[in-house]
ModelCIF file with pLDDT and N, C-alpha, C, O atoms, coordinates in Angstrom:
data_MODEL
#
_entry.id   MODEL 
#
_entity.id                         1 
_entity.type                       polymer 
_entity.pdbx_number_of_molecules   1 
#
_entity_poly.entity_id                      1 
_entity_poly.type                           'polypeptide(L)' 
_entity_poly.nstd_linkage                   no 
_entity_poly.nstd_monomer                   no 
_entity_poly.pdbx_seq_one_letter_code       LVCGLAATFAQMAFNMQSDIPNLGASGAIAGVLGA 
_entity_poly.pdbx_seq_one_letter_code_can   LVCGLAATFAQMAFNMQSDIPNLGASGAIAGVLGA 
_entity_poly.pdbx_strand_id                 A 
#
loop_
_entity_poly_seq.entity_id 
_entity_poly_seq.num 
_entity_poly_seq.mon_id 
_entity_poly_seq.hetero 
1 1  LEU n 
1 2  VAL n 
1 3  CYS n 
1 4  GLY n 
1 5  LEU n 
1 6  ALA n 
1 7  ALA n 
1 8  THR n 
1 9  PHE n 
1 10 ALA n 
1 11 GLN n 
1 12 MET n 
1 13 ALA n 
1 14 PHE n 
1 15 ASN n 
1 16 MET n 
1 17 GLN n 
1 18 SER n 
1 19 ASP n 
1 20 ILE n 
1 21 PRO n 
1 22 ASN n 
1 23 LEU n 
1 24 GLY n 
1 25 ALA n 
1 26 SER n 
1 27 GLY n 
1 28 ALA n 
1 29 ILE n 
1 30 ALA n 
1 31 GLY n 
1 32 VAL n 
1 33 LEU n 
1 34 GLY n 
1 35 ALA n 
#
_struct_asym.id          A 
_struct_asym.entity_id   1 
#
loop_
_ma_qa_metric.id 
_ma_qa_metric.mode 
_ma_qa_metric.name 
_ma_qa_metric.software_group_id 
_ma_qa_metric.type 
1 global pLDDT . pLDDT 
2 local  pLDDT . pLDDT 
#
_ma_qa_metric_global.metric_id      1 
_ma_qa_metric_global.metric_value   93.31 
_ma_qa_metric_global.model_id       1 
_ma_qa_metric_global.ordinal_id     1 
#
loop_
_ma_qa_metric_local.label_asym_id 
_ma_qa_metric_local.label_comp_id 
_ma_qa_metric_local.label_seq_id 
_ma_qa_metric_local.metric_id 
_ma_qa_metric_local.metric_value 
_ma_qa_metric_local.model_id 
_ma_qa_metric_local.ordinal_id 
A LEU 1  2 98.00 1 1  
A VAL 2  2 98.00 1 2  
A CYS 3  2 97.00 1 3  
A GLY 4  2 97.00 1 4  
A LEU 5  2 97.00 1 5  
A ALA 6  2 97.00 1 6  
A ALA 7  2 95.00 1 7  
A THR 8  2 95.00 1 8  
A PHE 9  2 95.00 1 9  
A ALA 10 2 93.00 1 10 
A GLN 11 2 91.00 1 11 
A MET 12 2 93.00 1 12 
A ALA 13 2 91.00 1 13 
A PHE 14 2 85.00 1 14 
A ASN 15 2 83.00 1 15 
A MET 16 2 89.00 1 16 
A GLN 17 2 87.00 1 17 
A SER 18 2 88.00 1 18 
A ASP 19 2 90.00 1 19 
A ILE 20 2 89.00 1 20 
A PRO 21 2 90.00 1 21 
A ASN 22 2 92.00 1 22 
A LEU 23 2 92.00 1 23 
A GLY 24 2 91.00 1 24 
A ALA 25 2 93.00 1 25 
A SER 26 2 93.00 1 26 
A GLY 27 2 94.00 1 27 
A ALA 28 2 96.00 1 28 
A ILE 29 2 96.00 1 29 
A ALA 30 2 96.00 1 30 
A GLY 31 2 97.00 1 31 
A VAL 32 2 97.00 1 32 
A LEU 33 2 97.00 1 33 
A GLY 34 2 97.00 1 34 
A ALA 35 2 97.00 1 35 
#
loop_
_atom_site.group_PDB 
_atom_site.id 
_atom_site.type_symbol 
_atom_site.label_atom_id 
_atom_site.label_alt_id 
_atom_site.label_comp_id 
_atom_site.label_asym_id 
_atom_site.label_entity_id 
_atom_site.label_seq_id 
_atom_site.pdbx_PDB_ins_code 
_atom_site.Cartn_x 
_atom_site.Cartn_y 
_atom_site.Cartn_z 
_atom_site.occupancy 
_atom_site.B_iso_or_equiv 
_atom_site.pdbx_formal_charge 
_atom_site.auth_seq_id 
_atom_site.auth_comp_id 
_atom_site.auth_asym_id 
_atom_site.auth_atom_id 
_atom_site.pdbx_PDB_model_num 
ATOM 1   N N  . LEU A 1 1  ? -0.690  -0.462 5.470   1.00 98.00 ? 1  LEU A N  1 
ATOM 2   C CA . LEU A 1 1  ? -1.576  0.269  4.571   1.00 98.00 ? 1  LEU A CA 1 
ATOM 3   C C  . LEU A 1 1  ? -0.784  1.024  3.506   1.00 98.00 ? 1  LEU A C  1 
ATOM 4   O O  . LEU A 1 1  ? -1.189  1.069  2.344   1.00 98.00 ? 1  LEU A O  1 
ATOM 5   N N  . VAL A 1 2  ? 0.336   1.612  3.897   1.00 98.00 ? 2  VAL A N  1 
ATOM 6   C CA . VAL A 1 2  ? 1.175   2.332  2.925   1.00 98.00 ? 2  VAL A CA 1 
ATOM 7   C C  . VAL A 1 2  ? 1.710   1.374  1.871   1.00 98.00 ? 2  VAL A C  1 
ATOM 8   O O  . VAL A 1 2  ? 1.734   1.709  0.686   1.00 98.00 ? 2  VAL A O  1 
ATOM 9   N N  . CYS A 1 3  ? 2.137   0.191  2.287   1.00 97.00 ? 3  CYS A N  1 
ATOM 10  C CA . CYS A 1 3  ? 2.618   -0.807 1.328   1.00 97.00 ? 3  CYS A CA 1 
ATOM 11  C C  . CYS A 1 3  ? 1.501   -1.216 0.370   1.00 97.00 ? 3  CYS A C  1 
ATOM 12  O O  . CYS A 1 3  ? 1.734   -1.391 -0.826  1.00 97.00 ? 3  CYS A O  1 
ATOM 13  N N  . GLY A 1 4  ? 0.288   -1.366 0.903   1.00 97.00 ? 4  GLY A N  1 
ATOM 14  C CA . GLY A 1 4  ? -0.839  -1.711 0.054   1.00 97.00 ? 4  GLY A CA 1 
ATOM 15  C C  . GLY A 1 4  ? -1.135  -0.634 -0.972  1.00 97.00 ? 4  GLY A C  1 
ATOM 16  O O  . GLY A 1 4  ? -1.417  -0.933 -2.132  1.00 97.00 ? 4  GLY A O  1 
ATOM 17  N N  . LEU A 1 5  ? -1.070  0.626  -0.542  1.00 97.00 ? 5  LEU A N  1 
ATOM 18  C CA . LEU A 1 5  ? -1.294  1.733  -1.471  1.00 97.00 ? 5  LEU A CA 1 
ATOM 19  C C  . LEU A 1 5  ? -0.215  1.776  -2.547  1.00 97.00 ? 5  LEU A C  1 
ATOM 20  O O  . LEU A 1 5  ? -0.513  1.955  -3.728  1.00 97.00 ? 5  LEU A O  1 
ATOM 21  N N  . ALA A 1 6  ? 1.034   1.613  -2.135  1.00 97.00 ? 6  ALA A N  1 
ATOM 22  C CA . ALA A 1 6  ? 2.141   1.620  -3.095  1.00 97.00 ? 6  ALA A CA 1 
ATOM 23  C C  . ALA A 1 6  ? 1.982   0.505  -4.116  1.00 97.00 ? 6  ALA A C  1 
ATOM 24  O O  . ALA A 1 6  ? 2.249   0.693  -5.303  1.00 97.00 ? 6  ALA A O  1 
ATOM 25  N N  . ALA A 1 7  ? 1.550   -0.649 -3.648  1.00 95.00 ? 7  ALA A N  1 
ATOM 26  C CA . ALA A 1 7  ? 1.349   -1.786 -4.550  1.00 95.00 ? 7  ALA A CA 1 
ATOM 27  C C  . ALA A 1 7  ? 0.263   -1.488 -5.570  1.00 95.00 ? 7  ALA A C  1 
ATOM 28  O O  . ALA A 1 7  ? 0.412   -1.797 -6.752  1.00 95.00 ? 7  ALA A O  1 
ATOM 29  N N  . THR A 1 8  ? -0.822  -0.892 -5.117  1.00 95.00 ? 8  THR A N  1 
ATOM 30  C CA . THR A 1 8  ? -1.927  -0.555 -6.019  1.00 95.00 ? 8  THR A CA 1 
ATOM 31  C C  . THR A 1 8  ? -1.478  0.427  -7.084  1.00 95.00 ? 8  THR A C  1 
ATOM 32  O O  . THR A 1 8  ? -1.784  0.242  -8.262  1.00 95.00 ? 8  THR A O  1 
ATOM 33  N N  . PHE A 1 9  ? -0.761  1.462  -6.694  1.00 95.00 ? 9  PHE A N  1 
ATOM 34  C CA . PHE A 1 9  ? -0.309  2.461  -7.657  1.00 95.00 ? 9  PHE A CA 1 
ATOM 35  C C  . PHE A 1 9  ? 0.751   1.898  -8.598  1.00 95.00 ? 9  PHE A C  1 
ATOM 36  O O  . PHE A 1 9  ? 0.822   2.294  -9.762  1.00 95.00 ? 9  PHE A O  1 
ATOM 37  N N  . ALA A 1 10 ? 1.573   0.979  -8.101  1.00 93.00 ? 10 ALA A N  1 
ATOM 38  C CA . ALA A 1 10 ? 2.566   0.343  -8.978  1.00 93.00 ? 10 ALA A CA 1 
ATOM 39  C C  . ALA A 1 10 ? 1.878   -0.460 -10.068 1.00 93.00 ? 10 ALA A C  1 
ATOM 40  O O  . ALA A 1 10 ? 2.279   -0.409 -11.231 1.00 93.00 ? 10 ALA A O  1 
ATOM 41  N N  . GLN A 1 11 ? 0.840   -1.204 -9.692  1.00 91.00 ? 11 GLN A N  1 
ATOM 42  C CA . GLN A 1 11 ? 0.101   -1.977 -10.678 1.00 91.00 ? 11 GLN A CA 1 
ATOM 43  C C  . GLN A 1 11 ? -0.613  -1.060 -11.665 1.00 91.00 ? 11 GLN A C  1 
ATOM 44  O O  . GLN A 1 11 ? -0.614  -1.317 -12.869 1.00 91.00 ? 11 GLN A O  1 
ATOM 45  N N  . MET A 1 12 ? -1.216  0.003  -11.157 1.00 93.00 ? 12 MET A N  1 
ATOM 46  C CA . MET A 1 12 ? -1.941  0.932  -12.022 1.00 93.00 ? 12 MET A CA 1 
ATOM 47  C C  . MET A 1 12 ? -1.014  1.617  -13.022 1.00 93.00 ? 12 MET A C  1 
ATOM 48  O O  . MET A 1 12 ? -1.407  1.878  -14.159 1.00 93.00 ? 12 MET A O  1 
ATOM 49  N N  . ALA A 1 13 ? 0.213   1.907  -12.601 1.00 91.00 ? 13 ALA A N  1 
ATOM 50  C CA . ALA A 1 13 ? 1.150   2.626  -13.452 1.00 91.00 ? 13 ALA A CA 1 
ATOM 51  C C  . ALA A 1 13 ? 1.428   1.888  -14.750 1.00 91.00 ? 13 ALA A C  1 
ATOM 52  O O  . ALA A 1 13 ? 1.769   2.507  -15.758 1.00 91.00 ? 13 ALA A O  1 
ATOM 53  N N  . PHE A 1 14 ? 1.282   0.554  -14.731 1.00 85.00 ? 14 PHE A N  1 
ATOM 54  C CA . PHE A 1 14 ? 1.582   -0.229 -15.925 1.00 85.00 ? 14 PHE A CA 1 
ATOM 55  C C  . PHE A 1 14 ? 0.340   -0.545 -16.756 1.00 85.00 ? 14 PHE A C  1 
ATOM 56  O O  . PHE A 1 14 ? 0.448   -1.147 -17.824 1.00 85.00 ? 14 PHE A O  1 
ATOM 57  N N  . ASN A 1 15 ? -0.847  -0.140 -16.271 1.00 83.00 ? 15 ASN A N  1 
ATOM 58  C CA . ASN A 1 15 ? -2.062  -0.365 -17.057 1.00 83.00 ? 15 ASN A CA 1 
ATOM 59  C C  . ASN A 1 15 ? -3.152  0.593  -16.569 1.00 83.00 ? 15 ASN A C  1 
ATOM 60  O O  . ASN A 1 15 ? -4.112  0.184  -15.915 1.00 83.00 ? 15 ASN A O  1 
ATOM 61  N N  . MET A 1 16 ? -2.982  1.867  -16.898 1.00 89.00 ? 16 MET A N  1 
ATOM 62  C CA . MET A 1 16 ? -3.883  2.885  -16.379 1.00 89.00 ? 16 MET A CA 1 
ATOM 63  C C  . MET A 1 16 ? -5.290  2.806  -16.959 1.00 89.00 ? 16 MET A C  1 
ATOM 64  O O  . MET A 1 16 ? -6.242  3.279  -16.339 1.00 89.00 ? 16 MET A O  1 
ATOM 65  N N  . GLN A 1 17 ? -5.425  2.229  -18.114 1.00 87.00 ? 17 GLN A N  1 
ATOM 66  C CA . GLN A 1 17 ? -6.728  2.180  -18.768 1.00 87.00 ? 17 GLN A CA 1 
ATOM 67  C C  . GLN A 1 17 ? -7.467  0.869  -18.524 1.00 87.00 ? 17 GLN A C  1 
ATOM 68  O O  . GLN A 1 17 ? -8.469  0.592  -19.184 1.00 87.00 ? 17 GLN A O  1 
ATOM 69  N N  . SER A 1 18 ? -6.989  0.069  -17.595 1.00 88.00 ? 18 SER A N  1 
ATOM 70  C CA . SER A 1 18 ? -7.609  -1.220 -17.336 1.00 88.00 ? 18 SER A CA 1 
ATOM 71  C C  . SER A 1 18 ? -8.966  -1.063 -16.661 1.00 88.00 ? 18 SER A C  1 
ATOM 72  O O  . SER A 1 18 ? -9.144  -0.225 -15.777 1.00 88.00 ? 18 SER A O  1 
ATOM 73  N N  . ASP A 1 19 ? -9.915  -1.881 -17.092 1.00 90.00 ? 19 ASP A N  1 
ATOM 74  C CA . ASP A 1 19 ? -11.227 -1.961 -16.458 1.00 90.00 ? 19 ASP A CA 1 
ATOM 75  C C  . ASP A 1 19 ? -11.347 -3.203 -15.577 1.00 90.00 ? 19 ASP A C  1 
ATOM 76  O O  . ASP A 1 19 ? -12.423 -3.500 -15.059 1.00 90.00 ? 19 ASP A O  1 
ATOM 77  N N  . ILE A 1 20 ? -10.232 -3.930 -15.408 1.00 89.00 ? 20 ILE A N  1 
ATOM 78  C CA . ILE A 1 20 ? -10.234 -5.138 -14.587 1.00 89.00 ? 20 ILE A CA 1 
ATOM 79  C C  . ILE A 1 20 ? -10.165 -4.762 -13.107 1.00 89.00 ? 20 ILE A C  1 
ATOM 80  O O  . ILE A 1 20 ? -9.264  -4.023 -12.710 1.00 89.00 ? 20 ILE A O  1 
ATOM 81  N N  . PRO A 1 21 ? -11.092 -5.250 -12.285 1.00 90.00 ? 21 PRO A N  1 
ATOM 82  C CA . PRO A 1 21 ? -11.025 -4.949 -10.848 1.00 90.00 ? 21 PRO A CA 1 
ATOM 83  C C  . PRO A 1 21 ? -9.759  -5.536 -10.226 1.00 90.00 ? 21 PRO A C  1 
ATOM 84  O O  . PRO A 1 21 ? -9.446  -6.711 -10.414 1.00 90.00 ? 21 PRO A O  1 
ATOM 85  N N  . ASN A 1 22 ? -9.039  -4.697 -9.483  1.00 92.00 ? 22 ASN A N  1 
ATOM 86  C CA . ASN A 1 22 ? -7.865  -5.144 -8.735  1.00 92.00 ? 22 ASN A CA 1 
ATOM 87  C C  . ASN A 1 22 ? -8.266  -5.364 -7.285  1.00 92.00 ? 22 ASN A C  1 
ATOM 88  O O  . ASN A 1 22 ? -8.870  -4.487 -6.668  1.00 92.00 ? 22 ASN A O  1 
ATOM 89  N N  . LEU A 1 23 ? -7.937  -6.517 -6.744  1.00 92.00 ? 23 LEU A N  1 
ATOM 90  C CA . LEU A 1 23 ? -8.305  -6.811 -5.362  1.00 92.00 ? 23 LEU A CA 1 
ATOM 91  C C  . LEU A 1 23 ? -7.320  -7.793 -4.767  1.00 92.00 ? 23 LEU A C  1 
ATOM 92  O O  . LEU A 1 23 ? -6.696  -8.580 -5.479  1.00 92.00 ? 23 LEU A O  1 
ATOM 93  N N  . GLY A 1 24 ? -7.186  -7.737 -3.441  1.00 91.00 ? 24 GLY A N  1 
ATOM 94  C CA . GLY A 1 24 ? -6.310  -8.672 -2.759  1.00 91.00 ? 24 GLY A CA 1 
ATOM 95  C C  . GLY A 1 24 ? -5.344  -7.995 -1.808  1.00 91.00 ? 24 GLY A C  1 
ATOM 96  O O  . GLY A 1 24 ? -4.982  -6.832 -1.986  1.00 91.00 ? 24 GLY A O  1 
ATOM 97  N N  . ALA A 1 25 ? -4.933  -8.740 -0.798  1.00 93.00 ? 25 ALA A N  1 
ATOM 98  C CA . ALA A 1 25 ? -3.983  -8.245 0.193   1.00 93.00 ? 25 ALA A CA 1 
ATOM 99  C C  . ALA A 1 25 ? -2.538  -8.499 -0.219  1.00 93.00 ? 25 ALA A C  1 
ATOM 100 O O  . ALA A 1 25 ? -1.613  -8.191 0.534   1.00 93.00 ? 25 ALA A O  1 
ATOM 101 N N  . SER A 1 26 ? -2.340  -9.058 -1.409  1.00 93.00 ? 26 SER A N  1 
ATOM 102 C CA . SER A 1 26 ? -1.002  -9.497 -1.807  1.00 93.00 ? 26 SER A CA 1 
ATOM 103 C C  . SER A 1 26 ? 0.030   -8.380 -1.787  1.00 93.00 ? 26 SER A C  1 
ATOM 104 O O  . SER A 1 26 ? 1.159   -8.589 -1.343  1.00 93.00 ? 26 SER A O  1 
ATOM 105 N N  . GLY A 1 27 ? -0.346  -7.185 -2.266  1.00 94.00 ? 27 GLY A N  1 
ATOM 106 C CA . GLY A 1 27 ? 0.614   -6.095 -2.314  1.00 94.00 ? 27 GLY A CA 1 
ATOM 107 C C  . GLY A 1 27 ? 1.063   -5.653 -0.939  1.00 94.00 ? 27 GLY A C  1 
ATOM 108 O O  . GLY A 1 27 ? 2.253   -5.436 -0.709  1.00 94.00 ? 27 GLY A O  1 
ATOM 109 N N  . ALA A 1 28 ? 0.107   -5.518 -0.012  1.00 96.00 ? 28 ALA A N  1 
ATOM 110 C CA . ALA A 1 28 ? 0.453   -5.131 1.353   1.00 96.00 ? 28 ALA A CA 1 
ATOM 111 C C  . ALA A 1 28 ? 1.298   -6.210 2.021   1.00 96.00 ? 28 ALA A C  1 
ATOM 112 O O  . ALA A 1 28 ? 2.255   -5.907 2.733   1.00 96.00 ? 28 ALA A O  1 
ATOM 113 N N  . ILE A 1 29 ? 0.939   -7.465 1.789   1.00 96.00 ? 29 ILE A N  1 
ATOM 114 C CA . ILE A 1 29 ? 1.687   -8.575 2.383   1.00 96.00 ? 29 ILE A CA 1 
ATOM 115 C C  . ILE A 1 29 ? 3.080   -8.668 1.770   1.00 96.00 ? 29 ILE A C  1 
ATOM 116 O O  . ILE A 1 29 ? 4.035   -9.041 2.451   1.00 96.00 ? 29 ILE A O  1 
ATOM 117 N N  . ALA A 1 30 ? 3.200   -8.330 0.487   1.00 96.00 ? 30 ALA A N  1 
ATOM 118 C CA . ALA A 1 30 ? 4.525   -8.285 -0.139  1.00 96.00 ? 30 ALA A CA 1 
ATOM 119 C C  . ALA A 1 30 ? 5.401   -7.267 0.579   1.00 96.00 ? 30 ALA A C  1 
ATOM 120 O O  . ALA A 1 30 ? 6.607   -7.468 0.716   1.00 96.00 ? 30 ALA A O  1 
ATOM 121 N N  . GLY A 1 31 ? 4.789   -6.162 1.041   1.00 97.00 ? 31 GLY A N  1 
ATOM 122 C CA . GLY A 1 31 ? 5.534   -5.192 1.834   1.00 97.00 ? 31 GLY A CA 1 
ATOM 123 C C  . GLY A 1 31 ? 6.033   -5.787 3.133   1.00 97.00 ? 31 GLY A C  1 
ATOM 124 O O  . GLY A 1 31 ? 7.151   -5.502 3.563   1.00 97.00 ? 31 GLY A O  1 
ATOM 125 N N  . VAL A 1 32 ? 5.211   -6.613 3.762   1.00 97.00 ? 32 VAL A N  1 
ATOM 126 C CA . VAL A 1 32 ? 5.618   -7.314 4.986   1.00 97.00 ? 32 VAL A CA 1 
ATOM 127 C C  . VAL A 1 32 ? 6.817   -8.218 4.691   1.00 97.00 ? 32 VAL A C  1 
ATOM 128 O O  . VAL A 1 32 ? 7.752   -8.295 5.487   1.00 97.00 ? 32 VAL A O  1 
ATOM 129 N N  . LEU A 1 33 ? 6.785   -8.895 3.554   1.00 97.00 ? 33 LEU A N  1 
ATOM 130 C CA . LEU A 1 33 ? 7.903   -9.767 3.182   1.00 97.00 ? 33 LEU A CA 1 
ATOM 131 C C  . LEU A 1 33 ? 9.171   -8.962 2.937   1.00 97.00 ? 33 LEU A C  1 
ATOM 132 O O  . LEU A 1 33 ? 10.268  -9.394 3.290   1.00 97.00 ? 33 LEU A O  1 
ATOM 133 N N  . GLY A 1 34 ? 9.014   -7.778 2.324   1.00 97.00 ? 34 GLY A N  1 
ATOM 134 C CA . GLY A 1 34 ? 10.173  -6.918 2.100   1.00 97.00 ? 34 GLY A CA 1 
ATOM 135 C C  . GLY A 1 34 ? 10.815  -6.484 3.401   1.00 97.00 ? 34 GLY A C  1 
ATOM 136 O O  . GLY A 1 34 ? 12.040  -6.435 3.511   1.00 97.00 ? 34 GLY A O  1 
ATOM 137 N N  . ALA A 1 35 ? 9.980   -6.165 4.401   1.00 97.00 ? 35 ALA A N  1 
ATOM 138 C CA . ALA A 1 35 ? 10.515  -5.789 5.706   1.00 97.00 ? 35 ALA A CA 1 
ATOM 139 C C  . ALA A 1 35 ? 11.148  -6.984 6.408   1.00 97.00 ? 35 ALA A C  1 
ATOM 140 O O  . ALA A 1 35 ? 11.652  -6.850 7.523   1.00 97.00 ? 35 ALA A O  1 
#
């Protein structure tokens, strides 16, 4: 869950004004790959 949150905030940091819905387990799973 922490990896998923970090991924969401990382994506948001580069486009804070986006109205595009962000969805998917990719960020959390990327954390699993990092571990």
